[in-house]
Amino acid sequence: MDRPFRILGVQQVAIGGLDKNKLAHFWCTIMGLTKVHDFKSERENVDEDVLQIGEGPHAVEVDIMQPLDPEKKPK
């Protein structure tokens, strides 16, 4: 299939669930990604850990997140 664009790479992947600790166990302990920082926002209803695999221009960020309030959006 001929496309009018080129995919250069992946910069970021976001993965959500109700228990960020289970996600962290898989992505950090089993897959070996490194946590680089965390982020919480009541306005966005998110508690997020920012993980990274790779370095430099080839680094990929994996954001694992859970809602602060599971009854609010995003779910």
C-alpha atoms as a PDB file:
ATOM      1  CA  MET A   1       0.000   0.000   0.000  1.00  0.00           C
ATOM      2  CA  ASP A   2       1.414   3.365  -0.996  1.00  0.00           C
ATOM      3  CA  ARG A   3       1.093   5.988   1.776  1.00  0.00           C
ATOM      4  CA  PRO A   4       1.538   9.776   1.491  1.00  0.00           C
ATOM      5  CA  PHE A   5       3.542   9.772   4.773  1.00  0.00           C
ATOM      6  CA  ARG A   6       6.400   8.003   6.563  1.00  0.00           C
ATOM      7  CA  ILE A   7       6.285   6.701  10.121  1.00  0.00           C
ATOM      8  CA  LEU A   8       9.538   7.744  11.773  1.00  0.00           C
ATOM      9  CA  GLY A   9       9.006   6.075  15.133  1.00  0.00           C
ATOM     10  CA  VAL A  10       6.995   5.974  18.336  1.00  0.00           C
ATOM     11  CA  GLN A  11       7.434   8.708  20.957  1.00  0.00           C
ATOM     12  CA  GLN A  12       4.785   7.858  23.549  1.00  0.00           C
ATOM     13  CA  VAL A  13       2.340   5.149  24.564  1.00  0.00           C
ATOM     14  CA  ALA A  14      -0.330   5.655  27.254  1.00  0.00           C
ATOM     15  CA  ILE A  15      -1.805   2.704  29.160  1.00  0.00           C
ATOM     16  CA  GLY A  16      -4.551   3.080  31.740  1.00  0.00           C
ATOM     17  CA  GLY A  17      -6.021   0.821  34.376  1.00  0.00           C
ATOM     18  CA  LEU A  18      -7.639   0.911  37.791  1.00  0.00           C
ATOM     19  CA  ASP A  19      -4.429  -0.165  39.602  1.00  0.00           C
ATOM     20  CA  LYS A  20      -1.238   1.595  38.521  1.00  0.00           C
ATOM     21  CA  ASN A  21       0.812  -0.688  40.805  1.00  0.00           C
ATOM     22  CA  LYS A  22      -0.103  -3.750  38.727  1.00  0.00           C
ATOM     23  CA  LEU A  23       0.882  -1.892  35.572  1.00  0.00           C
ATOM     24  CA  ALA A  24       4.175  -0.791  37.186  1.00  0.00           C
ATOM     25  CA  HIS A  25       4.960  -4.387  38.205  1.00  0.00           C
ATOM     26  CA  PHE A  26       4.612  -5.544  34.612  1.00  0.00           C
ATOM     27  CA  TRP A  27       6.292  -2.628  32.842  1.00  0.00           C
ATOM     28  CA  CYS A  28       9.111  -1.963  35.348  1.00  0.00           C
ATOM     29  CA  THR A  29       9.792  -5.281  37.078  1.00  0.00           C
ATOM     30  CA  ILE A  30       9.118  -7.687  34.224  1.00  0.00           C
ATOM     31  CA  MET A  31       9.813  -5.567  31.116  1.00  0.00           C
ATOM     32  CA  GLY A  32      12.613  -3.461  32.631  1.00  0.00           C
ATOM     33  CA  LEU A  33      11.409   0.082  31.902  1.00  0.00           C
ATOM     34  CA  THR A  34      12.651   2.893  34.138  1.00  0.00           C
ATOM     35  CA  LYS A  35      10.389   5.372  35.940  1.00  0.00           C
ATOM     36  CA  VAL A  36      11.541   8.903  35.110  1.00  0.00           C
ATOM     37  CA  HIS A  37       8.859  10.926  36.925  1.00  0.00           C
ATOM     38  CA  ASP A  38       5.248  11.003  38.040  1.00  0.00           C
ATOM     39  CA  PHE A  39       2.330  13.318  37.473  1.00  0.00           C
ATOM     40  CA  LYS A  40      -0.986  13.891  39.259  1.00  0.00           C
ATOM     41  CA  SER A  41      -3.794  16.123  38.087  1.00  0.00           C
ATOM     42  CA  GLU A  42      -7.189  16.427  39.753  1.00  0.00           C
ATOM     43  CA  ARG A  43      -8.429  18.424  36.757  1.00  0.00           C
ATOM     44  CA  GLU A  44      -7.524  15.532  34.426  1.00  0.00           C
ATOM     45  CA  ASN A  45      -8.446  12.877  37.049  1.00  0.00           C
ATOM     46  CA  VAL A  46      -5.133  11.097  36.589  1.00  0.00           C
ATOM     47  CA  ASP A  47      -2.335   9.613  38.683  1.00  0.00           C
ATOM     48  CA  GLU A  48       0.426   8.819  36.218  1.00  0.00           C
ATOM     49  CA  ASP A  49       3.927   7.354  36.204  1.00  0.00           C
ATOM     50  CA  VAL A  50       6.105   8.203  33.229  1.00  0.00           C
ATOM     51  CA  LEU A  51       8.367   5.319  32.224  1.00  0.00           C
ATOM     52  CA  GLN A  52      11.046   5.163  29.567  1.00  0.00           C
ATOM     53  CA  ILE A  53      12.727   2.556  27.428  1.00  0.00           C
ATOM     54  CA  GLY A  54      15.695   3.414  25.246  1.00  0.00           C
ATOM     55  CA  GLU A  55      17.770   6.577  25.194  1.00  0.00           C
ATOM     56  CA  GLY A  56      18.230   9.741  23.216  1.00  0.00           C
ATOM     57  CA  PRO A  57      16.193  10.197  20.047  1.00  0.00           C
ATOM     58  CA  HIS A  58      15.132   6.537  20.171  1.00  0.00           C
ATOM     59  CA  ALA A  59      13.644   6.711  23.689  1.00  0.00           C
ATOM     60  CA  VAL A  60       9.988   5.762  24.034  1.00  0.00           C
ATOM     61  CA  GLU A  61       7.851   7.077  26.881  1.00  0.00           C
ATOM     62  CA  VAL A  62       5.259   4.722  28.370  1.00  0.00           C
ATOM     63  CA  ASP A  63       2.722   6.476  30.587  1.00  0.00           C
ATOM     64  CA  ILE A  64       0.926   4.180  33.017  1.00  0.00           C
ATOM     65  CA  MET A  65      -2.052   5.799  34.677  1.00  0.00           C
ATOM     66  CA  GLN A  66      -5.027   5.296  36.891  1.00  0.00           C
ATOM     67  CA  PRO A  67      -7.932   7.615  37.662  1.00  0.00           C
ATOM     68  CA  LEU A  68      -7.845   9.497  40.959  1.00  0.00           C
ATOM     69  CA  ASP A  69     -11.609   8.915  41.134  1.00  0.00           C
ATOM     70  CA  PRO A  70     -12.772   5.817  39.176  1.00  0.00           C
ATOM     71  CA  GLU A  71     -16.295   7.242  38.970  1.00  0.00           C
ATOM     72  CA  LYS A  72     -15.189  10.325  36.993  1.00  0.00           C
ATOM     73  CA  LYS A  73     -13.937  10.605  33.422  1.00  0.00           C
ATOM     74  CA  PRO A  74     -11.681   9.452  31.941  1.00  0.00           C
ATOM     75  CA  LYS A  75     -12.447   5.962  33.191  1.00  0.00           C
END
